N, C-alpha and C. Protein backbone atom coordinates (compact mmCIF):
# COMPACT_ATOMS: atom_id res chain seq x y z
N MET A 1 147.15 113.76 107.25
CA MET A 1 146.72 112.38 106.94
C MET A 1 146.30 112.20 105.52
N PRO A 2 147.24 111.00 105.02
CA PRO A 2 146.98 110.76 103.56
C PRO A 2 145.74 110.47 102.96
N LEU A 3 145.08 110.94 101.50
CA LEU A 3 143.89 110.87 101.22
C LEU A 3 143.43 109.16 101.30
N PHE A 4 144.22 108.43 101.12
CA PHE A 4 143.67 107.17 101.27
C PHE A 4 143.38 106.77 102.68
N LYS A 5 144.34 106.97 103.40
CA LYS A 5 143.61 106.72 105.02
C LYS A 5 142.44 107.45 105.32
N ARG A 6 142.21 108.85 104.89
CA ARG A 6 141.05 109.63 105.32
C ARG A 6 139.58 108.83 104.77
N LEU A 7 140.11 108.26 103.54
CA LEU A 7 138.98 108.01 102.69
C LEU A 7 138.50 106.61 103.66
N LEU A 8 139.68 105.72 103.92
CA LEU A 8 139.05 104.63 104.56
C LEU A 8 138.53 104.93 105.93
N THR A 9 138.61 105.78 106.66
CA THR A 9 138.26 106.25 107.89
C THR A 9 136.82 106.59 107.77
N LEU A 10 136.66 107.26 106.52
CA LEU A 10 135.22 107.82 106.39
C LEU A 10 134.23 106.68 105.93
N VAL A 11 134.73 105.93 105.22
CA VAL A 11 133.99 104.51 104.70
C VAL A 11 133.84 103.91 106.04
N SER A 12 135.18 103.61 106.72
CA SER A 12 134.62 102.95 108.34
C SER A 12 133.70 103.43 108.98
N LEU A 13 133.73 105.14 108.94
CA LEU A 13 132.80 105.44 110.00
C LEU A 13 131.11 105.40 109.51
N VAL A 14 130.82 105.59 107.84
CA VAL A 14 129.59 105.22 107.29
C VAL A 14 129.22 103.74 107.64
N ILE A 15 130.17 102.83 107.72
CA ILE A 15 129.67 101.28 107.78
C ILE A 15 129.24 101.19 109.76
N ALA A 16 129.97 102.10 110.27
CA ALA A 16 129.82 101.87 111.71
C ALA A 16 128.48 102.49 111.77
N CYS A 17 128.25 103.61 111.29
CA CYS A 17 126.77 104.19 111.45
C CYS A 17 125.63 103.55 110.79
N GLN A 18 125.73 102.90 109.84
CA GLN A 18 124.84 101.90 109.15
C GLN A 18 124.66 100.68 110.10
N ALA A 19 125.45 100.08 110.72
CA ALA A 19 125.33 98.94 111.85
C ALA A 19 124.86 99.51 113.02
N THR A 20 125.30 100.82 113.75
CA THR A 20 124.37 101.41 114.70
C THR A 20 122.86 101.00 114.34
N HIS A 21 122.29 101.98 113.24
CA HIS A 21 121.30 102.09 112.98
C HIS A 21 120.53 100.82 112.64
N ALA A 22 120.94 99.97 112.18
CA ALA A 22 120.63 98.70 111.98
C ALA A 22 120.45 97.74 113.27
N GLU A 23 121.30 98.04 114.11
CA GLU A 23 121.20 97.35 115.59
C GLU A 23 119.98 98.10 116.21
N GLN A 24 119.44 99.35 115.95
CA GLN A 24 118.42 100.00 116.75
C GLN A 24 117.02 99.33 115.97
N LYS A 25 116.70 98.56 115.10
CA LYS A 25 115.57 98.10 114.81
C LYS A 25 115.76 96.74 115.17
N SER A 26 114.53 96.12 115.20
CA SER A 26 114.00 94.77 115.94
C SER A 26 113.35 94.32 114.60
N ARG A 27 113.25 92.89 114.32
CA ARG A 27 112.89 92.17 113.32
C ARG A 27 111.62 91.51 113.79
N ILE A 28 110.69 91.31 113.10
CA ILE A 28 109.35 90.59 113.59
C ILE A 28 108.78 89.81 112.64
N VAL A 29 108.77 88.33 112.64
CA VAL A 29 108.41 87.63 111.55
C VAL A 29 106.83 87.16 112.38
N ALA A 30 105.64 87.27 111.51
CA ALA A 30 104.64 86.84 111.51
C ALA A 30 104.16 85.40 111.07
N VAL A 31 103.90 84.52 111.93
CA VAL A 31 103.58 83.32 111.19
C VAL A 31 102.28 82.87 111.83
N GLY A 32 101.52 82.28 110.62
CA GLY A 32 100.22 81.64 110.76
C GLY A 32 99.60 82.12 109.58
N ASP A 33 98.15 81.60 109.99
CA ASP A 33 96.92 81.72 108.97
C ASP A 33 96.11 83.26 109.13
N PHE A 34 97.10 84.43 108.99
CA PHE A 34 96.57 85.51 109.47
C PHE A 34 95.81 86.31 108.01
N ASP A 35 95.05 86.94 108.20
CA ASP A 35 94.42 87.75 106.89
C ASP A 35 94.95 89.38 107.01
N SER A 36 95.21 89.94 108.15
CA SER A 36 95.79 90.83 108.27
C SER A 36 96.76 91.39 109.32
N VAL A 37 97.83 92.00 108.99
CA VAL A 37 98.79 92.20 110.49
C VAL A 37 98.85 94.21 110.35
N ASN A 38 98.59 94.52 111.35
CA ASN A 38 99.01 96.32 111.57
C ASN A 38 99.69 96.38 112.27
N VAL A 39 100.43 97.28 112.12
CA VAL A 39 101.72 97.57 112.95
C VAL A 39 102.09 99.23 113.41
N GLY A 40 102.38 99.48 114.50
CA GLY A 40 102.35 101.00 115.06
C GLY A 40 103.10 101.19 116.20
N GLN A 41 103.88 102.34 116.30
CA GLN A 41 104.91 102.68 117.58
C GLN A 41 104.27 104.00 117.78
N ASN A 42 103.25 104.62 117.81
CA ASN A 42 102.73 106.12 118.09
C ASN A 42 101.50 105.64 119.01
N GLY A 43 101.80 104.82 119.91
CA GLY A 43 100.89 104.69 121.19
C GLY A 43 99.55 103.88 120.44
N TYR A 44 98.59 103.21 121.54
CA TYR A 44 97.53 102.85 121.19
C TYR A 44 96.56 103.34 120.06
N CYS A 45 96.72 104.53 120.28
CA CYS A 45 95.55 105.35 119.34
C CYS A 45 95.97 105.75 117.98
N GLY A 46 97.71 105.62 118.14
CA GLY A 46 98.33 106.20 116.88
C GLY A 46 98.33 105.41 115.59
N LYS A 47 98.67 106.06 114.70
CA LYS A 47 98.90 105.42 113.34
C LYS A 47 99.29 104.22 113.57
N ARG A 48 98.74 103.09 112.38
CA ARG A 48 99.25 101.76 112.43
C ARG A 48 99.14 101.72 110.83
N THR A 49 99.92 100.96 110.43
CA THR A 49 100.22 100.74 109.00
C THR A 49 99.82 99.12 108.94
N GLU A 50 99.28 98.80 107.97
CA GLU A 50 99.06 97.76 107.27
C GLU A 50 100.04 96.92 106.86
N VAL A 51 100.44 95.88 107.03
CA VAL A 51 101.91 95.24 106.43
C VAL A 51 101.48 94.34 105.33
N PRO A 52 101.91 94.48 104.15
CA PRO A 52 101.47 93.35 103.07
C PRO A 52 101.99 92.26 103.50
N SER A 53 100.99 91.12 103.16
CA SER A 53 101.57 90.00 103.46
C SER A 53 102.77 89.37 102.96
N ASN A 54 103.54 89.91 101.79
CA ASN A 54 104.76 89.35 101.40
C ASN A 54 105.89 90.05 102.37
N GLU A 55 105.43 90.99 103.25
CA GLU A 55 106.37 91.35 104.05
C GLU A 55 106.34 90.88 105.64
N TRP A 56 105.59 90.22 105.92
CA TRP A 56 105.00 89.49 107.27
C TRP A 56 106.34 88.65 107.76
N LYS A 57 107.34 88.28 107.09
CA LYS A 57 108.53 87.48 107.60
C LYS A 57 109.59 88.51 107.81
N ASN A 58 109.28 89.77 107.41
CA ASN A 58 110.42 90.74 107.48
C ASN A 58 109.83 92.18 108.17
N ILE A 59 109.31 92.12 109.23
CA ILE A 59 108.55 93.42 109.75
C ILE A 59 109.60 94.20 110.48
N LEU A 60 110.20 95.10 110.15
CA LEU A 60 110.98 96.42 110.79
C LEU A 60 110.26 97.24 111.82
N VAL A 61 110.66 97.02 113.06
CA VAL A 61 110.55 98.23 114.07
C VAL A 61 111.45 98.88 114.57
N ARG A 62 111.43 100.02 115.37
CA ARG A 62 112.36 100.62 116.20
C ARG A 62 112.62 100.00 117.38
N GLY A 63 113.85 99.46 117.52
CA GLY A 63 113.90 98.77 118.86
C GLY A 63 113.90 99.72 120.08
N ASP A 64 113.33 98.88 121.45
CA ASP A 64 113.41 99.27 122.67
C ASP A 64 112.30 100.35 122.70
N GLU A 65 111.57 100.37 121.71
CA GLU A 65 110.06 101.31 122.08
C GLU A 65 108.94 100.24 121.66
N ARG A 66 107.96 100.63 122.52
CA ARG A 66 106.68 100.00 122.37
C ARG A 66 106.16 99.79 120.94
N VAL A 67 105.62 98.54 120.58
CA VAL A 67 104.93 98.52 119.31
C VAL A 67 103.47 97.69 119.59
N TRP A 68 102.56 98.21 118.91
CA TRP A 68 101.41 98.02 119.15
C TRP A 68 100.86 97.00 117.48
N PHE A 69 100.34 95.76 117.67
CA PHE A 69 99.90 95.28 116.62
C PHE A 69 98.53 94.97 116.94
N GLN A 70 97.78 95.08 115.52
CA GLN A 70 96.42 94.67 115.28
C GLN A 70 96.28 93.39 114.52
N MET A 71 96.03 92.21 114.73
CA MET A 71 96.23 90.86 113.70
C MET A 71 94.81 90.44 114.02
N LYS A 72 94.39 89.91 112.68
CA LYS A 72 93.03 89.25 112.47
C LYS A 72 93.31 88.10 111.31
N SER A 73 92.28 86.78 111.77
CA SER A 73 92.66 85.95 110.95
C SER A 73 91.01 85.14 110.82
N VAL A 74 90.50 84.98 109.94
CA VAL A 74 89.21 84.37 109.36
C VAL A 74 89.29 83.26 109.02
N ILE A 75 88.83 82.29 109.66
CA ILE A 75 88.97 80.84 109.30
C ILE A 75 87.57 80.13 108.75
N HIS A 76 87.75 79.79 107.53
CA HIS A 76 86.53 79.09 106.85
C HIS A 76 86.36 77.44 106.97
N SER A 77 85.48 76.78 107.51
CA SER A 77 85.33 75.59 107.14
C SER A 77 84.11 75.14 106.68
N THR A 78 83.43 73.83 106.35
CA THR A 78 82.37 73.83 105.95
C THR A 78 81.18 74.13 106.51
N SER A 79 81.59 73.82 107.85
CA SER A 79 80.20 74.14 108.58
C SER A 79 80.29 75.27 109.44
N PHE A 80 81.70 76.14 109.63
CA PHE A 80 81.54 77.37 110.39
C PHE A 80 82.36 78.36 110.09
N THR A 81 82.48 79.60 110.60
CA THR A 81 83.59 80.71 110.15
C THR A 81 83.98 81.15 111.80
N THR A 82 85.11 80.93 111.81
CA THR A 82 85.53 81.60 112.90
C THR A 82 86.81 82.98 112.67
N THR A 83 86.44 83.90 113.43
CA THR A 83 86.97 85.18 113.40
C THR A 83 88.18 85.21 114.89
N CYS A 84 89.35 85.38 114.55
CA CYS A 84 90.44 85.70 115.57
C CYS A 84 91.00 87.06 115.37
N GLU A 85 91.15 87.95 116.33
CA GLU A 85 91.43 89.25 115.87
C GLU A 85 91.91 89.72 117.87
N GLY A 86 93.02 90.59 117.57
CA GLY A 86 93.43 91.36 118.72
C GLY A 86 94.17 92.25 118.44
N ASP A 87 94.40 93.27 119.65
CA ASP A 87 95.37 94.28 119.62
C ASP A 87 96.04 93.47 120.94
N TYR A 88 97.70 93.71 120.41
CA TYR A 88 99.00 93.22 121.32
C TYR A 88 99.76 94.21 121.29
N THR A 89 100.72 94.01 122.22
CA THR A 89 101.74 95.09 122.29
C THR A 89 102.59 94.55 122.96
N PHE A 90 104.20 95.07 122.87
CA PHE A 90 105.43 94.44 123.61
C PHE A 90 106.47 95.48 123.30
N VAL A 91 107.56 95.58 124.05
CA VAL A 91 108.62 96.50 123.24
C VAL A 91 109.94 95.27 123.17
N PRO A 92 110.00 95.60 121.45
CA PRO A 92 111.25 94.42 121.43
C PRO A 92 112.74 95.15 121.64
N ALA A 93 113.64 94.58 121.78
CA ALA A 93 114.80 94.85 122.11
C ALA A 93 115.51 95.25 120.90
N ALA A 94 116.30 96.37 120.92
CA ALA A 94 117.10 96.78 119.64
C ALA A 94 117.87 95.61 119.23
N GLY A 95 118.02 95.32 117.95
CA GLY A 95 118.79 94.25 117.30
C GLY A 95 118.47 93.01 117.44
N LYS A 96 117.24 92.85 117.97
CA LYS A 96 116.83 91.37 118.42
C LYS A 96 115.54 91.07 117.34
N ALA A 97 115.33 89.95 117.20
CA ALA A 97 114.53 89.18 116.47
C ALA A 97 113.22 88.45 117.01
N TYR A 98 112.03 88.54 116.48
CA TYR A 98 110.83 87.78 117.35
C TYR A 98 110.02 87.09 116.26
N ILE A 99 109.36 86.36 116.87
CA ILE A 99 108.08 85.46 116.48
C ILE A 99 107.05 85.85 116.96
N ILE A 100 105.86 86.22 116.11
CA ILE A 100 104.54 86.41 116.48
C ILE A 100 103.83 85.10 115.96
N ARG A 101 103.30 84.28 116.75
CA ARG A 101 102.50 83.13 115.89
C ARG A 101 101.22 83.07 116.35
N PHE A 102 100.39 82.84 115.23
CA PHE A 102 98.94 82.61 115.53
C PHE A 102 98.69 81.05 115.14
N SER A 103 97.79 80.51 116.20
CA SER A 103 97.18 79.10 115.94
C SER A 103 95.90 79.14 116.37
N LEU A 104 95.06 78.17 116.10
CA LEU A 104 93.63 77.99 116.50
C LEU A 104 93.58 76.45 116.85
N ASP A 105 93.53 76.35 118.32
CA ASP A 105 93.47 75.42 118.83
C ASP A 105 92.06 74.88 119.72
N VAL A 106 91.42 73.87 118.98
CA VAL A 106 90.27 73.64 119.60
C VAL A 106 89.16 74.84 119.88
N GLY A 107 89.25 75.42 118.75
CA GLY A 107 88.48 76.67 118.86
C GLY A 107 88.91 78.16 119.63
N VAL A 108 90.41 77.97 120.18
CA VAL A 108 90.68 78.90 121.02
C VAL A 108 91.79 79.65 120.22
N CYS A 109 91.70 80.83 119.88
CA CYS A 109 92.37 81.46 119.15
C CYS A 109 94.06 81.98 119.99
N ARG A 110 94.93 81.74 119.52
CA ARG A 110 96.36 82.05 120.06
C ARG A 110 97.34 82.85 119.61
N PHE A 111 97.56 83.59 120.30
CA PHE A 111 98.67 84.73 119.33
C PHE A 111 100.06 84.64 120.46
N GLU A 112 101.05 84.00 119.90
CA GLU A 112 101.84 83.94 120.96
C GLU A 112 103.01 84.77 120.42
N LEU A 113 104.30 84.90 121.41
CA LEU A 113 105.36 85.87 120.88
C LEU A 113 106.55 84.89 121.17
N PHE A 114 107.52 84.83 120.52
CA PHE A 114 108.87 84.23 120.71
C PHE A 114 110.09 85.25 120.44
N ARG A 115 111.12 85.16 121.25
CA ARG A 115 112.06 86.02 120.89
C ARG A 115 113.21 84.71 120.37
N VAL A 116 113.98 85.46 119.22
CA VAL A 116 114.82 84.36 118.39
C VAL A 116 116.05 84.58 119.13
N VAL A 117 116.75 83.09 119.79
CA VAL A 117 117.83 83.00 119.85
C VAL A 117 119.08 82.20 119.14
N PRO A 118 119.99 82.84 119.01
CA PRO A 118 120.76 82.13 117.77
C PRO A 118 121.16 81.07 118.31
N ASN A 119 121.18 79.66 117.40
CA ASN A 119 121.30 78.59 117.76
C ASN A 119 120.94 77.71 118.94
N ALA A 120 119.90 78.28 119.24
CA ALA A 120 118.72 77.57 120.46
C ALA A 120 117.46 77.77 120.02
N ASP A 121 116.79 77.16 121.21
CA ASP A 121 115.11 77.45 120.70
C ASP A 121 114.69 78.80 121.08
N PRO A 122 113.34 79.12 120.12
CA PRO A 122 113.00 80.63 120.74
C PRO A 122 112.70 80.51 121.96
N VAL A 123 112.39 81.85 122.57
CA VAL A 123 112.27 81.94 124.21
C VAL A 123 110.93 82.57 124.13
N ARG A 124 110.01 82.08 124.80
CA ARG A 124 108.71 82.74 124.94
C ARG A 124 108.80 83.84 125.50
N GLU A 125 108.22 85.20 125.03
CA GLU A 125 108.01 86.50 125.75
C GLU A 125 106.79 86.93 126.08
N PRO A 126 106.51 87.77 126.75
CA PRO A 126 105.19 88.30 127.01
C PRO A 126 104.63 88.97 125.93
N LEU A 127 103.31 88.76 125.56
CA LEU A 127 102.49 89.81 124.69
C LEU A 127 101.34 90.01 125.33
N THR A 128 101.39 91.63 125.26
CA THR A 128 100.23 92.00 126.33
C THR A 128 99.26 92.58 125.27
N HIS A 129 97.94 92.04 125.86
CA HIS A 129 96.97 92.23 125.26
C HIS A 129 96.23 93.61 125.91
N PRO A 130 96.46 94.94 125.66
CA PRO A 130 95.98 95.88 126.39
C PRO A 130 94.75 96.15 126.60
N GLU A 131 94.39 96.81 127.29
CA GLU A 131 92.72 97.29 127.84
C GLU A 131 92.37 98.17 126.13
N PRO A 132 91.06 97.99 125.89
CA PRO A 132 90.51 98.72 124.69
C PRO A 132 90.62 100.23 125.41
N GLN A 133 90.91 101.11 124.57
CA GLN A 133 91.04 102.64 124.74
C GLN A 133 89.59 103.40 123.69
N SER A 134 89.03 104.31 123.95
CA SER A 134 88.35 104.89 122.90
C SER A 134 89.30 105.80 122.32
N CYS A 135 89.47 105.92 120.99
CA CYS A 135 90.67 106.68 120.09
C CYS A 135 89.73 107.85 119.17
N LEU A 136 88.46 107.85 119.75
CA LEU A 136 87.74 108.99 119.24
C LEU A 136 87.88 110.27 118.72
N PHE A 137 88.71 110.90 120.18
CA PHE A 137 89.05 112.17 120.18
C PHE A 137 90.78 112.06 120.16
N HIS A 138 91.47 111.39 119.57
CA HIS A 138 92.91 111.34 119.17
C HIS A 138 93.21 111.88 118.04
């Protein structure tokens, strides 16, 4: 096989491997008035990483594996302060994009999940609020 053809084959293989690796990731966009977003994929009690606010529009996680989120928002008004926080989990499909949206509606905190569908409206997905667990001995 000529050198050029070998090089072309090698470059194609590298691009294919990168594309396959990229497809295994899922993208999550957090929108709303959050103060903090923590993400982990090592179980309920596993390590979670605080995502800097400038990265909330591009959170990359492993696809087809459960992801746990801890989100918090503190809303201040002239007469009161409301704190919304919670732990949520779901399994993002590899290569798909999702939106986690926070809103405060008449004093009710809402965390919602949507799957992005190209050229269509986002589709609501279940976002599970897991039962609290003791992580003292983990």
